[in-house]
Amino acid sequence: MVPTPETYQYNVTLTRNETRTRTVPVFEYVNQQQTRTVNFMVSVPRQKTETYSEMVCRIVPRKQMQKYTVCVPVSVSKSVPVQVCKMVPQKVQVQVPVGPNCPTCTTCASCGG
């Protein structure tokens, strides 16, 4: 067998960076002032009502844009040299004894000697 160079093509998958944008929910705490009335008794035999302020934390959803990077597969065709071995016909000379003139054998089935 004689090695002969031959061109071979195949597909290679590469990736490239691609910037995408998406909207995701982001939660943050917002202070909200609330007022409430509380009745209570004092030592004096009279009833008194007092108002006060109180801070309460609530989760308020909001949307925020965020950029992120993903790898996207990209198909690319590429030619590369590949070494291939092929069978090549070749002439070979071989001596074959013929007939009763065969000097090397005494009882040869092929030449009848």
PDB file of N, CA and C in Angstrom:
ATOM      1  N   MET A   1       0.851  -1.182   0.000  1.00  0.00           N
ATOM      2  CA  MET A   1       0.000   0.000   0.000  1.00  0.00           C
ATOM      3  C   MET A   1       0.890   1.236   0.000  1.00  0.00           C
ATOM      4  N   VAL A   2       0.489   2.218  -0.805  1.00  0.00           N
ATOM      5  CA  VAL A   2       1.246   3.470  -0.901  1.00  0.00           C
ATOM      6  C   VAL A   2       0.360   4.587  -0.365  1.00  0.00           C
ATOM      7  N   PRO A   3       0.819   5.356   0.641  1.00  0.00           N
ATOM      8  CA  PRO A   3      -0.012   6.453   1.150  1.00  0.00           C
ATOM      9  C   PRO A   3      -0.063   7.589   0.137  1.00  0.00           C
ATOM     10  N   THR A   4      -1.289   8.050  -0.151  1.00  0.00           N
ATOM     11  CA  THR A   4      -1.470   9.189  -1.059  1.00  0.00           C
ATOM     12  C   THR A   4      -2.320  10.232  -0.349  1.00  0.00           C
ATOM     13  N   PRO A   5      -1.908  11.513  -0.433  1.00  0.00           N
ATOM     14  CA  PRO A   5      -2.710  12.563   0.230  1.00  0.00           C
ATOM     15  C   PRO A   5      -4.030  12.772  -0.502  1.00  0.00           C
ATOM     16  N   GLU A   6      -5.060  12.965   0.235  1.00  0.00           N
ATOM     17  CA  GLU A   6      -6.398  13.181  -0.335  1.00  0.00           C
ATOM     18  C   GLU A   6      -7.137  14.194   0.547  1.00  0.00           C
ATOM     19  N   THR A   7      -7.901  15.095  -0.068  1.00  0.00           N
ATOM     20  CA  THR A   7      -8.643  16.109   0.683  1.00  0.00           C
ATOM     21  C   THR A   7      -9.934  15.500   1.212  1.00  0.00           C
ATOM     22  N   TYR A   8     -10.235  15.798   2.452  1.00  0.00           N
ATOM     23  CA  TYR A   8     -11.429  15.257   3.117  1.00  0.00           C
ATOM     24  C   TYR A   8     -12.154  16.406   3.793  1.00  0.00           C
ATOM     25  N   GLN A   9     -13.468  16.521   3.618  1.00  0.00           N
ATOM     26  CA  GLN A   9     -14.241  17.605   4.238  1.00  0.00           C
ATOM     27  C   GLN A   9     -15.136  17.045   5.326  1.00  0.00           C
ATOM     28  N   TYR A  10     -15.235  17.795   6.411  1.00  0.00           N
ATOM     29  CA  TYR A  10     -16.149  17.450   7.485  1.00  0.00           C
ATOM     30  C   TYR A  10     -16.576  18.717   8.187  1.00  0.00           C
ATOM     31  N   ASN A  11     -17.707  18.649   8.921  1.00  0.00           N
ATOM     32  CA  ASN A  11     -18.255  19.811   9.615  1.00  0.00           C
ATOM     33  C   ASN A  11     -17.668  19.906  11.014  1.00  0.00           C
ATOM     34  N   VAL A  12     -17.346  21.123  11.427  1.00  0.00           N
ATOM     35  CA  VAL A  12     -16.828  21.401  12.762  1.00  0.00           C
ATOM     36  C   VAL A  12     -17.793  22.385  13.418  1.00  0.00           C
ATOM     37  N   THR A  13     -18.236  22.105  14.645  1.00  0.00           N
ATOM     38  CA  THR A  13     -19.125  23.009  15.354  1.00  0.00           C
ATOM     39  C   THR A  13     -18.303  23.905  16.278  1.00  0.00           C
ATOM     40  N   LEU A  14     -18.389  25.217  16.057  1.00  0.00           N
ATOM     41  CA  LEU A  14     -17.685  26.194  16.880  1.00  0.00           C
ATOM     42  C   LEU A  14     -18.717  27.001  17.651  1.00  0.00           C
ATOM     43  N   THR A  15     -18.292  27.704  18.687  1.00  0.00           N
ATOM     44  CA  THR A  15     -19.203  28.587  19.411  1.00  0.00           C
ATOM     45  C   THR A  15     -18.672  30.004  19.346  1.00  0.00           C
ATOM     46  N   ARG A  16     -19.590  30.960  19.401  1.00  0.00           N
ATOM     47  CA  ARG A  16     -19.203  32.355  19.452  1.00  0.00           C
ATOM     48  C   ARG A  16     -20.032  33.015  20.532  1.00  0.00           C
ATOM     49  N   ASN A  17     -19.499  34.080  21.127  1.00  0.00           N
ATOM     50  CA  ASN A  17     -20.220  34.793  22.171  1.00  0.00           C
ATOM     51  C   ASN A  17     -21.271  35.683  21.533  1.00  0.00           C
ATOM     52  N   GLU A  18     -22.441  35.666  22.121  1.00  0.00           N
ATOM     53  CA  GLU A  18     -23.548  36.479  21.629  1.00  0.00           C
ATOM     54  C   GLU A  18     -24.188  37.146  22.837  1.00  0.00           C
ATOM     55  N   THR A  19     -24.355  38.462  22.774  1.00  0.00           N
ATOM     56  CA  THR A  19     -24.947  39.193  23.892  1.00  0.00           C
ATOM     57  C   THR A  19     -26.460  39.229  23.701  1.00  0.00           C
ATOM     58  N   ARG A  20     -27.186  38.838  24.727  1.00  0.00           N
ATOM     59  CA  ARG A  20     -28.638  38.840  24.694  1.00  0.00           C
ATOM     60  C   ARG A  20     -29.160  39.665  25.863  1.00  0.00           C
ATOM     61  N   THR A  21     -30.376  40.119  25.737  1.00  0.00           N
ATOM     62  CA  THR A  21     -31.007  40.898  26.803  1.00  0.00           C
ATOM     63  C   THR A  21     -32.316  40.216  27.162  1.00  0.00           C
ATOM     64  N   ARG A  22     -32.626  40.159  28.441  1.00  0.00           N
ATOM     65  CA  ARG A  22     -33.895  39.598  28.874  1.00  0.00           C
ATOM     66  C   ARG A  22     -34.374  40.367  30.094  1.00  0.00           C
ATOM     67  N   THR A  23     -35.646  40.299  30.355  1.00  0.00           N
ATOM     68  CA  THR A  23     -36.234  40.974  31.502  1.00  0.00           C
ATOM     69  C   THR A  23     -36.487  39.928  32.580  1.00  0.00           C
ATOM     70  N   VAL A  24     -35.971  40.191  33.763  1.00  0.00           N
ATOM     71  CA  VAL A  24     -36.139  39.260  34.871  1.00  0.00           C
ATOM     72  C   VAL A  24     -36.752  40.008  36.052  1.00  0.00           C
ATOM     73  N   PRO A  25     -37.594  39.357  36.824  1.00  0.00           N
ATOM     74  CA  PRO A  25     -38.169  40.028  37.984  1.00  0.00           C
ATOM     75  C   PRO A  25     -37.126  40.193  39.090  1.00  0.00           C
ATOM     76  N   VAL A  26     -37.042  41.374  39.656  1.00  0.00           N
ATOM     77  CA  VAL A  26     -36.115  41.668  40.744  1.00  0.00           C
ATOM     78  C   VAL A  26     -36.941  42.242  41.894  1.00  0.00           C
ATOM     79  N   PHE A  27     -36.722  41.740  43.085  1.00  0.00           N
ATOM     80  CA  PHE A  27     -37.484  42.193  44.242  1.00  0.00           C
ATOM     81  C   PHE A  27     -36.611  43.061  45.120  1.00  0.00           C
ATOM     82  N   GLU A  28     -37.171  44.120  45.620  1.00  0.00           N
ATOM     83  CA  GLU A  28     -36.459  44.970  46.558  1.00  0.00           C
ATOM     84  C   GLU A  28     -37.435  45.429  47.632  1.00  0.00           C
ATOM     85  N   TYR A  29     -36.888  45.796  48.764  1.00  0.00           N
ATOM     86  CA  TYR A  29     -37.714  46.242  49.875  1.00  0.00           C
ATOM     87  C   TYR A  29     -37.984  47.738  49.745  1.00  0.00           C
ATOM     88  N   VAL A  30     -39.247  48.099  49.922  1.00  0.00           N
ATOM     89  CA  VAL A  30     -39.646  49.499  49.874  1.00  0.00           C
ATOM     90  C   VAL A  30     -40.284  49.835  51.215  1.00  0.00           C
ATOM     91  N   ASN A  31     -39.805  50.891  51.845  1.00  0.00           N
ATOM     92  CA  ASN A  31     -40.393  51.302  53.116  1.00  0.00           C
ATOM     93  C   ASN A  31     -41.736  51.985  52.848  1.00  0.00           C
ATOM     94  N   GLN A  32     -42.707  51.588  53.619  1.00  0.00           N
ATOM     95  CA  GLN A  32     -44.039  52.156  53.457  1.00  0.00           C
ATOM     96  C   GLN A  32     -44.533  52.568  54.846  1.00  0.00           C
ATOM     97  N   GLN A  33     -44.913  53.774  54.923  1.00  0.00           N
ATOM     98  CA  GLN A  33     -45.353  54.280  56.217  1.00  0.00           C
ATOM     99  C   GLN A  33     -46.854  54.030  56.358  1.00  0.00           C
ATOM    100  N   GLN A  34     -47.215  53.475  57.514  1.00  0.00           N
ATOM    101  CA  GLN A  34     -48.622  53.200  57.795  1.00  0.00           C
ATOM    102  C   GLN A  34     -48.975  53.806  59.154  1.00  0.00           C
ATOM    103  N   THR A  35     -50.191  54.155  59.284  1.00  0.00           N
ATOM    104  CA  THR A  35     -50.674  54.712  60.549  1.00  0.00           C
ATOM    105  C   THR A  35     -51.777  53.805  61.076  1.00  0.00           C
ATOM    106  N   ARG A  36     -51.746  53.618  62.381  1.00  0.00           N
ATOM    107  CA  ARG A  36     -52.824  52.835  62.986  1.00  0.00           C
ATOM    108  C   ARG A  36     -53.143  53.409  64.360  1.00  0.00           C
ATOM    109  N   THR A  37     -54.293  53.152  64.787  1.00  0.00           N
ATOM    110  CA  THR A  37     -54.765  53.662  66.076  1.00  0.00           C
ATOM    111  C   THR A  37     -54.809  52.510  67.067  1.00  0.00           C
ATOM    112  N   VAL A  38     -54.230  52.769  68.237  1.00  0.00           N
ATOM    113  CA  VAL A  38     -54.188  51.750  69.277  1.00  0.00           C
ATOM    114  C   VAL A  38     -54.848  52.338  70.528  1.00  0.00           C
ATOM    115  N   ASN A  39     -55.777  51.626  71.057  1.00  0.00           N
ATOM    116  CA  ASN A  39     -56.425  52.030  72.308  1.00  0.00           C
ATOM    117  C   ASN A  39     -55.701  51.394  73.475  1.00  0.00           C
ATOM    118  N   PHE A  40     -55.444  52.156  74.478  1.00  0.00           N
ATOM    119  CA  PHE A  40     -54.838  51.602  75.683  1.00  0.00           C
ATOM    120  C   PHE A  40     -55.316  52.407  76.891  1.00  0.00           C
ATOM    121  N   MET A  41     -55.140  51.821  78.028  1.00  0.00           N
ATOM    122  CA  MET A  41     -55.588  52.448  79.279  1.00  0.00           C
ATOM    123  C   MET A  41     -54.373  52.992  80.018  1.00  0.00           C
ATOM    124  N   VAL A  42     -54.539  54.167  80.583  1.00  0.00           N
ATOM    125  CA  VAL A  42     -53.499  54.757  81.415  1.00  0.00           C
ATOM    126  C   VAL A  42     -53.926  54.655  82.867  1.00  0.00           C
ATOM    127  N   SER A  43     -53.059  55.035  83.733  1.00  0.00           N
ATOM    128  CA  SER A  43     -53.334  54.920  85.164  1.00  0.00           C
ATOM    129  C   SER A  43     -54.504  55.794  85.616  1.00  0.00           C
ATOM    130  N   VAL A  44     -54.669  56.860  84.914  1.00  0.00           N
ATOM    131  CA  VAL A  44     -55.757  57.762  85.277  1.00  0.00           C
ATOM    132  C   VAL A  44     -57.066  57.112  84.806  1.00  0.00           C
ATOM    133  N   PRO A  45     -58.106  57.264  85.549  1.00  0.00           N
ATOM    134  CA  PRO A  45     -59.332  56.609  85.142  1.00  0.00           C
ATOM    135  C   PRO A  45     -60.014  57.317  83.966  1.00  0.00           C
ATOM    136  N   ARG A  46     -59.307  57.462  82.904  1.00  0.00           N
ATOM    137  CA  ARG A  46     -59.888  58.012  81.695  1.00  0.00           C
ATOM    138  C   ARG A  46     -59.295  57.252  80.502  1.00  0.00           C
ATOM    139  N   GLN A  47     -60.004  57.248  79.455  1.00  0.00           N
ATOM    140  CA  GLN A  47     -59.566  56.540  78.260  1.00  0.00           C
ATOM    141  C   GLN A  47     -58.918  57.543  77.317  1.00  0.00           C
ATOM    142  N   LYS A  48     -57.800  57.124  76.721  1.00  0.00           N
ATOM    143  CA  LYS A  48     -57.064  58.014  75.847  1.00  0.00           C
ATOM    144  C   LYS A  48     -56.734  57.262  74.553  1.00  0.00           C
ATOM    145  N   THR A  49     -56.852  57.947  73.448  1.00  0.00           N
ATOM    146  CA  THR A  49     -56.504  57.362  72.150  1.00  0.00           C
ATOM    147  C   THR A  49     -55.293  58.108  71.606  1.00  0.00           C
ATOM    148  N   GLU A  50     -54.320  57.321  71.123  1.00  0.00           N
ATOM    149  CA  GLU A  50     -53.096  57.934  70.635  1.00  0.00           C
ATOM    150  C   GLU A  50     -52.762  57.352  69.262  1.00  0.00           C
ATOM    151  N   THR A  51     -52.267  58.180  68.377  1.00  0.00           N
ATOM    152  CA  THR A  51     -51.898  57.741  67.025  1.00  0.00           C
ATOM    153  C   THR A  51     -50.379  57.809  66.893  1.00  0.00           C
ATOM    154  N   TYR A  52     -49.806  56.794  66.295  1.00  0.00           N
ATOM    155  CA  TYR A  52     -48.362  56.805  66.063  1.00  0.00           C
ATOM    156  C   TYR A  52     -48.066  56.183  64.698  1.00  0.00           C
ATOM    157  N   SER A  53     -46.866  56.425  64.204  1.00  0.00           N
ATOM    158  CA  SER A  53     -46.440  55.918  62.890  1.00  0.00           C
ATOM    159  C   SER A  53     -45.544  54.704  63.077  1.00  0.00           C
ATOM    160  N   GLU A  54     -45.634  53.831  62.116  1.00  0.00           N
ATOM    161  CA  GLU A  54     -44.872  52.591  62.186  1.00  0.00           C
ATOM    162  C   GLU A  54     -44.366  52.269  60.780  1.00  0.00           C
ATOM    163  N   MET A  55     -43.128  51.794  60.654  1.00  0.00           N
ATOM    164  CA  MET A  55     -42.563  51.419  59.362  1.00  0.00           C
ATOM    165  C   MET A  55     -42.743  49.915  59.157  1.00  0.00           C
ATOM    166  N   VAL A  56     -43.255  49.571  57.981  1.00  0.00           N
ATOM    167  CA  VAL A  56     -43.475  48.168  57.633  1.00  0.00           C
ATOM    168  C   VAL A  56     -42.746  47.897  56.316  1.00  0.00           C
ATOM    169  N   CYS A  57     -42.019  46.800  56.254  1.00  0.00           N
ATOM    170  CA  CYS A  57     -41.319  46.420  55.012  1.00  0.00           C
ATOM    171  C   CYS A  57     -42.194  45.449  54.230  1.00  0.00           C
ATOM    172  N   ARG A  58     -42.355  45.748  52.945  1.00  0.00           N
ATOM    173  CA  ARG A  58     -43.102  44.885  52.036  1.00  0.00           C
ATOM    174  C   ARG A  58     -42.224  44.577  50.830  1.00  0.00           C
ATOM    175  N   ILE A  59     -42.382  43.402  50.265  1.00  0.00           N
ATOM    176  CA  ILE A  59     -41.658  43.059  49.041  1.00  0.00           C
ATOM    177  C   ILE A  59     -42.498  43.537  47.864  1.00  0.00           C
ATOM    178  N   VAL A  60     -41.875  44.390  47.032  1.00  0.00           N
ATOM    179  CA  VAL A  60     -42.569  44.932  45.870  1.00  0.00           C
ATOM    180  C   VAL A  60     -41.809  44.464  44.627  1.00  0.00           C
ATOM    181  N   PRO A  61     -42.444  43.683  43.740  1.00  0.00           N
ATOM    182  CA  PRO A  61     -41.729  43.212  42.545  1.00  0.00           C
ATOM    183  C   PRO A  61     -41.577  44.340  41.521  1.00  0.00           C
ATOM    184  N   ARG A  62     -40.445  44.320  40.824  1.00  0.00           N
ATOM    185  CA  ARG A  62     -40.243  45.248  39.714  1.00  0.00           C
ATOM    186  C   ARG A  62     -39.399  44.528  38.666  1.00  0.00           C
ATOM    187  N   LYS A  63     -39.437  45.024  37.436  1.00  0.00           N
ATOM    188  CA  LYS A  63     -38.689  44.396  36.351  1.00  0.00           C
ATOM    189  C   LYS A  63     -37.455  45.213  36.055  1.00  0.00           C
ATOM    190  N   GLN A  64     -36.372  44.512  35.780  1.00  0.00           N
ATOM    191  CA  GLN A  64     -35.112  45.175  35.535  1.00  0.00           C
ATOM    192  C   GLN A  64     -34.428  44.478  34.352  1.00  0.00           C
ATOM    193  N   MET A  65     -33.833  45.231  33.442  1.00  0.00           N
ATOM    194  CA  MET A  65     -33.138  44.663  32.294  1.00  0.00           C
ATOM    195  C   MET A  65     -31.741  44.228  32.716  1.00  0.00           C
ATOM    196  N   GLN A  66     -31.347  43.055  32.289  1.00  0.00           N
ATOM    197  CA  GLN A  66     -30.016  42.552  32.573  1.00  0.00           C
ATOM    198  C   GLN A  66     -29.426  42.008  31.283  1.00  0.00           C
ATOM    199  N   LYS A  67     -28.138  42.252  31.057  1.00  0.00           N
ATOM    200  CA  LYS A  67     -27.456  41.684  29.902  1.00  0.00           C
ATOM    201  C   LYS A  67     -26.678  40.463  30.361  1.00  0.00           C
ATOM    202  N   TYR A  68     -26.663  39.446  29.506  1.00  0.00           N
ATOM    203  CA  TYR A  68     -25.903  38.247  29.819  1.00  0.00           C
ATOM    204  C   TYR A  68     -25.356  37.660  28.524  1.00  0.00           C
ATOM    205  N   THR A  69     -24.353  36.830  28.625  1.00  0.00           N
ATOM    206  CA  THR A  69     -23.676  36.260  27.471  1.00  0.00           C
ATOM    207  C   THR A  69     -23.911  34.750  27.457  1.00  0.00           C
ATOM    208  N   VAL A  70     -24.251  34.217  26.265  1.00  0.00           N
ATOM    209  CA  VAL A  70     -24.438  32.777  26.101  1.00  0.00           C
ATOM    210  C   VAL A  70     -23.552  32.299  24.957  1.00  0.00           C
ATOM    211  N   CYS A  71     -23.207  31.020  24.961  1.00  0.00           N
ATOM    212  CA  CYS A  71     -22.458  30.419  23.861  1.00  0.00           C
ATOM    213  C   CYS A  71     -23.455  29.747  22.923  1.00  0.00           C
ATOM    214  N   VAL A  72     -23.435  30.166  21.675  1.00  0.00           N
ATOM    215  CA  VAL A  72     -24.355  29.635  20.668  1.00  0.00           C
ATOM    216  C   VAL A  72     -23.532  28.799  19.689  1.00  0.00           C
ATOM    217  N   PRO A  73     -23.901  27.524  19.439  1.00  0.00           N
ATOM    218  CA  PRO A  73     -23.138  26.715  18.491  1.00  0.00           C
ATOM    219  C   PRO A  73     -23.324  27.233  17.059  1.00  0.00           C
ATOM    220  N   VAL A  74     -22.223  27.295  16.326  1.00  0.00           N
ATOM    221  CA  VAL A  74     -22.248  27.763  14.950  1.00  0.00           C
ATOM    222  C   VAL A  74     -21.578  26.691  14.100  1.00  0.00           C
ATOM    223  N   SER A  75     -22.231  26.252  12.999  1.00  0.00           N
ATOM    224  CA  SER A  75     -21.656  25.237  12.122  1.00  0.00           C
ATOM    225  C   SER A  75     -20.730  25.904  11.114  1.00  0.00           C
ATOM    226  N   VAL A  76     -19.542  25.330  10.954  1.00  0.00           N
ATOM    227  CA  VAL A  76     -18.550  25.868  10.028  1.00  0.00           C
ATOM    228  C   VAL A  76     -18.015  24.702   9.203  1.00  0.00           C
ATOM    229  N   SER A  77     -17.950  24.859   7.890  1.00  0.00           N
ATOM    230  CA  SER A  77     -17.347  23.830   7.039  1.00  0.00           C
ATOM    231  C   SER A  77     -15.885  24.176   6.845  1.00  0.00           C
ATOM    232  N   LYS A  78     -15.037  23.160   6.937  1.00  0.00           N
ATOM    233  CA  LYS A  78     -13.610  23.400   6.877  1.00  0.00           C
ATOM    234  C   LYS A  78     -12.958  22.247   6.127  1.00  0.00           C
ATOM    235  N   SER A  79     -12.046  22.549   5.221  1.00  0.00           N
ATOM    236  CA  SER A  79     -11.316  21.515   4.488  1.00  0.00           C
ATOM    237  C   SER A  79      -9.953  21.321   5.139  1.00  0.00           C
ATOM    238  N   VAL A  80      -9.642  20.070   5.417  1.00  0.00           N
ATOM    239  CA  VAL A  80      -8.337  19.761   5.996  1.00  0.00           C
ATOM    240  C   VAL A  80      -7.729  18.589   5.230  1.00  0.00           C
ATOM    241  N   PRO A  81      -6.413  18.570   5.060  1.00  0.00           N
ATOM    242  CA  PRO A  81      -5.783  17.439   4.371  1.00  0.00           C
ATOM    243  C   PRO A  81      -5.736  16.216   5.280  1.00  0.00           C
ATOM    244  N   VAL A  82      -6.095  15.069   4.715  1.00  0.00           N
ATOM    245  CA  VAL A  82      -6.106  13.811   5.461  1.00  0.00           C
ATOM    246  C   VAL A  82      -5.329  12.785   4.638  1.00  0.00           C
ATOM    247  N   GLN A  83      -4.463  12.025   5.269  1.00  0.00           N
ATOM    248  CA  GLN A  83      -3.688  11.020   4.550  1.00  0.00           C
ATOM    249  C   GLN A  83      -4.487   9.723   4.471  1.00  0.00           C
ATOM    250  N   VAL A  84      -4.643   9.197   3.260  1.00  0.00           N
ATOM    251  CA  VAL A  84      -5.439   7.996   3.023  1.00  0.00           C
ATOM    252  C   VAL A  84      -4.530   6.954   2.362  1.00  0.00           C
ATOM    253  N   CYS A  85      -4.615   5.720   2.796  1.00  0.00           N
ATOM    254  CA  CYS A  85      -3.861   4.629   2.168  1.00  0.00           C
ATOM    255  C   CYS A  85      -4.788   3.872   1.227  1.00  0.00           C
ATOM    256  N   LYS A  86      -4.358   3.695  -0.031  1.00  0.00           N
ATOM    257  CA  LYS A  86      -5.155   2.955  -1.024  1.00  0.00           C
ATOM    258  C   LYS A  86      -4.292   1.830  -1.601  1.00  0.00           C
ATOM    259  N   MET A  87      -4.975   0.776  -2.037  1.00  0.00           N
ATOM    260  CA  MET A  87      -4.281  -0.322  -2.705  1.00  0.00           C
ATOM    261  C   MET A  87      -4.001   0.115  -4.142  1.00  0.00           C
ATOM    262  N   VAL A  88      -2.760  -0.099  -4.603  1.00  0.00           N
ATOM    263  CA  VAL A  88      -2.344   0.277  -5.956  1.00  0.00           C
ATOM    264  C   VAL A  88      -1.867  -0.997  -6.652  1.00  0.00           C
ATOM    265  N   PRO A  89      -2.325  -1.242  -7.889  1.00  0.00           N
ATOM    266  CA  PRO A  89      -1.852  -2.464  -8.579  1.00  0.00           C
ATOM    267  C   PRO A  89      -0.339  -2.389  -8.849  1.00  0.00           C
ATOM    268  N   GLN A  90       0.312  -3.525  -8.698  1.00  0.00           N
ATOM    269  CA  GLN A  90       1.761  -3.572  -8.877  1.00  0.00           C
ATOM    270  C   GLN A  90       2.111  -4.891  -9.560  1.00  0.00           C
ATOM    271  N   LYS A  91       3.013  -4.824 -10.536  1.00  0.00           N
ATOM    272  CA  LYS A  91       3.430  -6.042 -11.244  1.00  0.00           C
ATOM    273  C   LYS A  91       4.602  -6.674 -10.500  1.00  0.00           C
ATOM    274  N   VAL A  92       4.493  -7.986 -10.288  1.00  0.00           N
ATOM    275  CA  VAL A  92       5.542  -8.734  -9.604  1.00  0.00           C
ATOM    276  C   VAL A  92       5.911  -9.925 -10.482  1.00  0.00           C
ATOM    277  N   GLN A  93       7.179 -10.162 -10.671  1.00  0.00           N
ATOM    278  CA  GLN A  93       7.617 -11.312 -11.467  1.00  0.00           C
ATOM    279  C   GLN A  93       7.935 -12.478 -10.543  1.00  0.00           C
ATOM    280  N   VAL A  94       7.358 -13.626 -10.883  1.00  0.00           N
ATOM    281  CA  VAL A  94       7.578 -14.834 -10.096  1.00  0.00           C
ATOM    282  C   VAL A  94       7.980 -15.942 -11.074  1.00  0.00           C
ATOM    283  N   GLN A  95       8.982 -16.704 -10.730  1.00  0.00           N
ATOM    284  CA  GLN A  95       9.394 -17.825 -11.587  1.00  0.00           C
ATOM    285  C   GLN A  95       8.572 -19.052 -11.250  1.00  0.00           C
ATOM    286  N   VAL A  96       7.956 -19.625 -12.279  1.00  0.00           N
ATOM    287  CA  VAL A  96       7.137 -20.814 -12.104  1.00  0.00           C
ATOM    288  C   VAL A  96       7.760 -21.931 -12.937  1.00  0.00           C
ATOM    289  N   PRO A  97       8.040 -23.070 -12.310  1.00  0.00           N
ATOM    290  CA  PRO A  97       8.609 -24.181 -13.087  1.00  0.00           C
ATOM    291  C   PRO A  97       7.566 -24.767 -14.033  1.00  0.00           C
ATOM    292  N   VAL A  98       7.970 -25.043 -15.269  1.00  0.00           N
ATOM    293  CA  VAL A  98       7.054 -25.574 -16.278  1.00  0.00           C
ATOM    294  C   VAL A  98       7.707 -26.827 -16.916  1.00  0.00           C
ATOM    295  N   GLY A  99       6.913 -27.877 -17.025  1.00  0.00           N
ATOM    296  CA  GLY A  99       7.327 -29.066 -17.775  1.00  0.00           C
ATOM    297  C   GLY A  99       8.436 -29.899 -17.147  1.00  0.00           C
ATOM    298  N   PRO A 100       8.930 -30.889 -17.912  1.00  0.00           N
ATOM    299  CA  PRO A 100       9.945 -31.795 -17.383  1.00  0.00           C
ATOM    300  C   PRO A 100      11.328 -31.163 -17.293  1.00  0.00           C
ATOM    301  N   ASN A 101      11.488 -29.946 -17.696  1.00  0.00           N
ATOM    302  CA  ASN A 101      12.788 -29.285 -17.626  1.00  0.00           C
ATOM    303  C   ASN A 101      13.010 -28.599 -16.282  1.00  0.00           C
ATOM    304  N   CYS A 102      12.199 -28.915 -15.301  1.00  0.00           N
ATOM    305  CA  CYS A 102      12.316 -28.296 -13.984  1.00  0.00           C
ATOM    306  C   CYS A 102      13.567 -28.849 -13.296  1.00  0.00           C
ATOM    307  N   PRO A 103      14.640 -28.053 -13.106  1.00  0.00           N
ATOM    308  CA  PRO A 103      15.871 -28.599 -12.534  1.00  0.00           C
ATOM    309  C   PRO A 103      15.835 -28.729 -11.013  1.00  0.00           C
ATOM    310  N   THR A 104      14.903 -28.108 -10.351  1.00  0.00           N
ATOM    311  CA  THR A 104      14.961 -28.109  -8.893  1.00  0.00           C
ATOM    312  C   THR A 104      14.150 -29.216  -8.251  1.00  0.00           C
ATOM    313  N   CYS A 105      13.282 -29.857  -8.984  1.00  0.00           N
ATOM    314  CA  CYS A 105      12.455 -30.871  -8.311  1.00  0.00           C
ATOM    315  C   CYS A 105      12.580 -32.223  -9.015  1.00  0.00           C
ATOM    316  N   THR A 106      12.323 -33.238  -8.237  1.00  0.00           N
ATOM    317  CA  THR A 106      12.373 -34.586  -8.796  1.00  0.00           C
ATOM    318  C   THR A 106      10.986 -35.131  -9.025  1.00  0.00           C
ATOM    319  N   THR A 107      10.077 -34.842  -8.084  1.00  0.00           N
ATOM    320  CA  THR A 107       8.677 -35.285  -8.243  1.00  0.00           C
ATOM    321  C   THR A 107       7.778 -34.109  -8.007  1.00  0.00           C
ATOM    322  N   CYS A 108       7.674 -33.253  -8.984  1.00  0.00           N
ATOM    323  CA  CYS A 108       6.879 -32.016  -8.884  1.00  0.00           C
ATOM    324  C   CYS A 108       5.520 -32.276  -9.478  1.00  0.00           C
ATOM    325  N   ALA A 109       4.488 -31.996  -8.754  1.00  0.00           N
ATOM    326  CA  ALA A 109       3.124 -32.225  -9.244  1.00  0.00           C
ATOM    327  C   ALA A 109       2.738 -31.213 -10.300  1.00  0.00           C
ATOM    328  N   SER A 110       3.296 -29.986 -10.245  1.00  0.00           N
ATOM    329  CA  SER A 110       2.898 -28.970 -11.207  1.00  0.00           C
ATOM    330  C   SER A 110       3.572 -29.114 -12.544  1.00  0.00           C
ATOM    331  N   CYS A 111       4.802 -29.660 -12.544  1.00  0.00           N
ATOM    332  CA  CYS A 111       5.499 -29.769 -13.814  1.00  0.00           C
ATOM    333  C   CYS A 111       5.502 -31.211 -14.333  1.00  0.00           C
ATOM    334  N   GLY A 112       5.093 -32.148 -13.502  1.00  0.00           N
ATOM    335  CA  GLY A 112       5.006 -33.537 -13.951  1.00  0.00           C
ATOM    336  C   GLY A 112       6.343 -34.247 -13.954  1.00  0.00           C
ATOM    337  N   GLY A 113       7.310 -33.709 -13.284  1.00  0.00           N
ATOM    338  CA  GLY A 113       8.654 -34.272 -13.322  1.00  0.00           C
ATOM    339  C   GLY A 113       8.909 -35.387 -12.389  1.00  0.00           C
TER     340      GLY A 113
END
